Protein backbone atom coordinates (compact mmCIF):
# COMPACT_ATOMS: atom_id res chain seq x y z
CA MET A 1 9.81 -70.39 45.93
CA SER A 2 9.61 -69.19 49.33
CA ALA A 3 13.37 -68.85 51.67
CA VAL A 4 13.62 -70.47 54.39
CA SER A 5 17.25 -70.07 55.58
CA GLY A 6 17.10 -66.48 57.18
CA THR A 7 21.01 -65.75 57.08
CA LYS A 8 22.73 -69.27 56.74
CA LEU A 9 24.39 -70.03 54.08
CA TRP A 10 23.57 -73.92 52.73
CA THR A 11 26.21 -76.02 50.56
CA SER A 12 24.97 -78.78 48.27
CA ASP A 13 26.46 -81.33 50.46
CA GLU A 14 23.76 -79.69 53.44
CA LEU A 15 21.10 -80.03 50.82
CA PHE A 16 20.89 -83.38 49.63
CA ALA A 17 21.66 -84.62 53.38
CA LEU A 18 18.47 -83.09 54.07
CA ARG A 19 15.57 -85.66 54.54
CA PRO A 20 13.60 -86.25 51.38
CA ASN A 21 10.33 -85.08 51.37
CA LYS A 22 7.86 -85.78 48.28
CA LYS A 23 5.40 -82.67 49.09
CA VAL A 24 8.78 -80.35 48.95
CA ASP A 25 10.84 -79.29 46.96
CA ARG A 26 14.24 -78.16 47.62
CA CYS A 27 16.88 -76.35 45.53
CA LEU A 28 19.92 -73.41 46.72
CA PHE A 29 19.92 -70.31 45.10
CA ARG A 30 23.44 -68.39 45.91
CA GLY A 31 23.49 -70.52 49.43
CA GLU A 32 20.00 -69.61 49.85
CA LEU A 33 18.05 -72.68 50.64
CA ARG A 34 14.27 -72.65 49.20
CA GLU A 35 11.37 -74.87 49.28
CA SER A 36 8.32 -74.63 47.17
CA LYS A 37 5.18 -76.96 47.26
CA VAL A 38 5.95 -79.70 44.84
CA THR A 39 3.58 -79.19 42.31
CA ARG A 40 2.08 -81.80 39.96
CA ARG A 41 3.64 -81.68 36.30
CA ASN A 42 0.63 -82.23 33.49
CA PRO A 43 0.74 -83.90 30.53
CA SER A 44 1.62 -80.85 27.88
CA HIS A 45 4.49 -80.42 30.55
CA SER A 46 5.75 -83.85 30.34
CA ARG A 47 5.13 -84.61 26.76
CA THR A 48 7.12 -81.24 26.05
CA THR A 49 10.26 -82.15 28.11
CA ALA A 50 9.82 -85.56 26.44
CA MET A 51 9.74 -84.98 23.10
CA LEU A 52 12.80 -81.86 23.50
CA SER A 53 15.16 -85.07 25.16
CA THR A 54 14.07 -86.89 22.45
CA LEU A 55 15.09 -84.16 19.76
CA LEU A 56 18.54 -83.41 21.49
CA ASN A 57 19.33 -86.96 21.98
CA VAL A 58 19.19 -87.63 18.53
CA TRP A 59 21.36 -85.15 17.92
CA LEU A 60 23.33 -86.35 20.24
CA MET A 61 23.61 -89.58 19.38
CA LYS A 62 25.11 -88.16 15.76
CA LYS A 63 28.42 -86.80 17.62
CA SER A 64 31.22 -88.72 17.86
CA LYS A 65 32.64 -89.37 21.06
CA PRO A 66 33.23 -88.51 23.99
CA ARG A 67 30.12 -86.67 23.84
CA GLY A 68 28.16 -84.99 26.86
CA ALA A 69 25.06 -86.09 27.69
CA ILE A 70 21.15 -84.90 27.46
CA TYR A 71 19.76 -84.79 31.36
CA ASP A 72 15.77 -84.39 32.00
CA GLY A 73 13.82 -84.95 34.53
CA GLU A 74 14.81 -82.19 37.19
CA GLY A 75 17.80 -82.98 37.02
CA TYR A 76 20.32 -81.11 39.58
CA PHE A 77 23.88 -79.11 38.74
CA ARG A 78 25.63 -77.34 40.73
CA ILE A 79 26.20 -73.99 39.04
CA ARG A 80 27.32 -72.09 41.36
CA SER A 81 29.57 -72.63 44.12
CA ASN A 82 30.26 -70.24 47.77
CA PRO A 83 27.83 -69.77 48.00
CA ASP A 84 26.31 -72.84 46.23
CA THR A 85 23.14 -72.61 42.92
CA ASN A 86 21.48 -75.88 43.28
CA VAL A 87 19.12 -76.02 40.92
CA GLY A 88 16.96 -78.83 39.29
CA ILE A 89 16.63 -78.53 35.25
CA ASP A 90 13.91 -79.57 33.09
CA VAL A 91 15.66 -80.59 29.99
CA ALA A 92 19.84 -79.82 30.35
CA TYR A 93 22.64 -80.57 27.90
CA ALA A 94 25.87 -80.94 29.70
CA SER A 95 29.28 -81.20 28.24
CA ALA A 96 31.72 -84.70 27.75
CA GLU A 97 34.20 -83.17 30.68
CA GLN A 98 30.87 -82.73 33.39
CA VAL A 99 29.86 -86.42 32.41
CA ALA A 100 33.16 -87.74 32.29
CA ALA A 101 33.63 -85.75 36.14
CA THR A 102 29.53 -87.47 37.27
CA ALA A 103 30.39 -90.67 39.27
CA ASP A 104 26.98 -92.64 38.13
CA ASN A 105 25.83 -92.27 42.45
CA ALA A 106 26.64 -88.33 42.28
CA SER A 107 23.84 -86.57 43.48
CA PHE A 108 24.05 -83.59 41.07
CA VAL A 109 26.52 -82.78 38.10
CA ASP A 110 29.03 -80.24 38.99
CA GLY A 111 29.36 -76.85 36.90
CA PRO A 112 26.94 -75.27 34.78
CA PRO A 113 25.68 -77.00 31.77
CA VAL A 114 26.39 -75.97 28.30
CA ILE A 115 22.04 -75.29 27.79
CA ALA A 116 19.39 -74.95 30.71
CA ILE A 117 15.76 -75.41 28.80
CA GLU A 118 13.06 -74.91 31.28
CA VAL A 119 9.44 -75.67 30.18
CA LEU A 120 6.70 -73.65 31.69
CA SER A 121 3.29 -74.65 34.14
CA PRO A 122 0.59 -73.28 35.15
CA TYR A 123 2.17 -72.94 38.58
CA ASP A 124 5.23 -70.89 37.51
CA LYS A 125 5.56 -67.35 38.41
CA HIS A 126 7.46 -64.41 35.99
CA LYS A 127 9.78 -63.02 38.65
CA ASP A 128 10.94 -66.69 39.49
CA ILE A 129 11.49 -67.49 35.33
CA VAL A 130 13.29 -64.45 35.43
CA GLU A 131 15.38 -64.87 38.47
CA ALA A 132 16.52 -68.16 36.97
CA ILE A 133 17.30 -66.97 33.54
CA ASP A 134 19.36 -64.41 34.97
CA GLU A 135 21.09 -66.95 37.57
CA TYR A 136 21.65 -69.49 35.26
CA LEU A 137 23.47 -66.69 32.78
CA ASP A 138 25.69 -65.10 35.38
CA CYS A 139 26.77 -68.87 36.31
CA GLY A 140 28.09 -69.94 32.68
CA VAL A 141 25.19 -71.56 30.98
CA LYS A 142 25.51 -70.84 27.28
CA ALA A 143 21.99 -70.65 26.20
CA VAL A 144 18.38 -70.79 28.43
CA TRP A 145 15.64 -71.97 26.31
CA ILE A 146 12.21 -71.47 28.07
CA VAL A 147 9.87 -73.43 26.09
CA ASP A 148 5.67 -72.13 26.84
CA PRO A 149 3.82 -75.29 25.95
CA TYR A 150 0.54 -73.40 26.36
CA THR A 151 1.56 -70.84 23.46
CA ASP A 152 4.01 -72.92 21.82
CA THR A 153 7.04 -70.93 22.08
CA VAL A 154 10.49 -70.36 22.41
CA ALA A 155 12.72 -67.92 23.59
CA VAL A 156 16.43 -68.56 23.84
CA HIS A 157 18.57 -66.43 26.34
CA ARG A 158 21.75 -65.36 25.84
CA LEU A 159 24.26 -63.64 28.08
CA ASP A 160 24.38 -59.64 26.73
CA LYS A 161 21.80 -60.46 23.94
CA GLU A 162 18.07 -59.83 23.50
CA PRO A 163 16.65 -63.13 23.49
CA LYS A 164 15.33 -64.28 20.30
CA TYR A 165 11.66 -65.43 20.09
CA TYR A 166 10.59 -68.73 18.23
CA THR A 167 7.43 -69.98 16.69
CA LEU A 168 5.26 -72.71 15.79
CA SER A 169 6.11 -71.38 11.73
CA ASP A 170 10.06 -71.43 12.90
CA THR A 171 12.65 -73.67 12.42
CA ILE A 172 15.58 -73.89 15.68
CA ALA A 173 19.25 -74.16 14.18
CA THR A 174 22.64 -73.21 14.07
CA GLN A 175 22.39 -72.92 17.96
CA PRO A 176 26.31 -72.34 18.72
CA GLU A 177 26.09 -74.29 21.89
CA LEU A 178 24.67 -77.42 19.68
CA PRO A 179 26.39 -77.35 16.61
CA GLY A 180 24.14 -78.98 13.75
CA PHE A 181 21.13 -79.17 15.83
CA LYS A 182 18.58 -78.10 14.26
CA CYS A 183 14.35 -78.91 14.66
CA ARG A 184 10.96 -77.42 13.58
CA VAL A 185 9.45 -75.94 16.77
CA ALA A 186 6.23 -77.05 15.62
CA ASP A 187 8.03 -80.80 16.45
CA ILE A 188 8.56 -79.98 20.61
CA PHE A 189 4.92 -79.35 20.69
CA GLU A 190 3.35 -82.45 18.92
């Protein structure tokens, strides 16, 4: 993603006031407007995000109300204010409090989600992924999952801890952010 803002720091309101452009993906990173060419999502990416959303929604529906929500399809979150970081996340779990505070017509969910899940695509650059993980954790996201549909692996990152890696033969369970959630990694990539 390239920066286009120079020294101006943008706000989330300014970002969403821009005319939509189907060829450009925009986000704010510590107030810096970043634009990149929109890449087509391939079947592996789409299938993986759909499966993650399904698995998480099945878990969520078993929870008592009020419960949070699962967002997918690059749901926008403002994870930092002053300067704003406003990013689209492939799959995210937001708390019940965030859901209650978000109007139906809102442009973004305010605050970091409990969990941010990014599914890799062939166009992702390693430095951008590392920068995103660091920013998400610094802003208060409890866990960042990096899901790789090309190697069938999941890496779970938490602040001040070494990442935990899962392969097809593993089960993801005992996640403190998702009490009672359990799934086989193989199920994610079916």
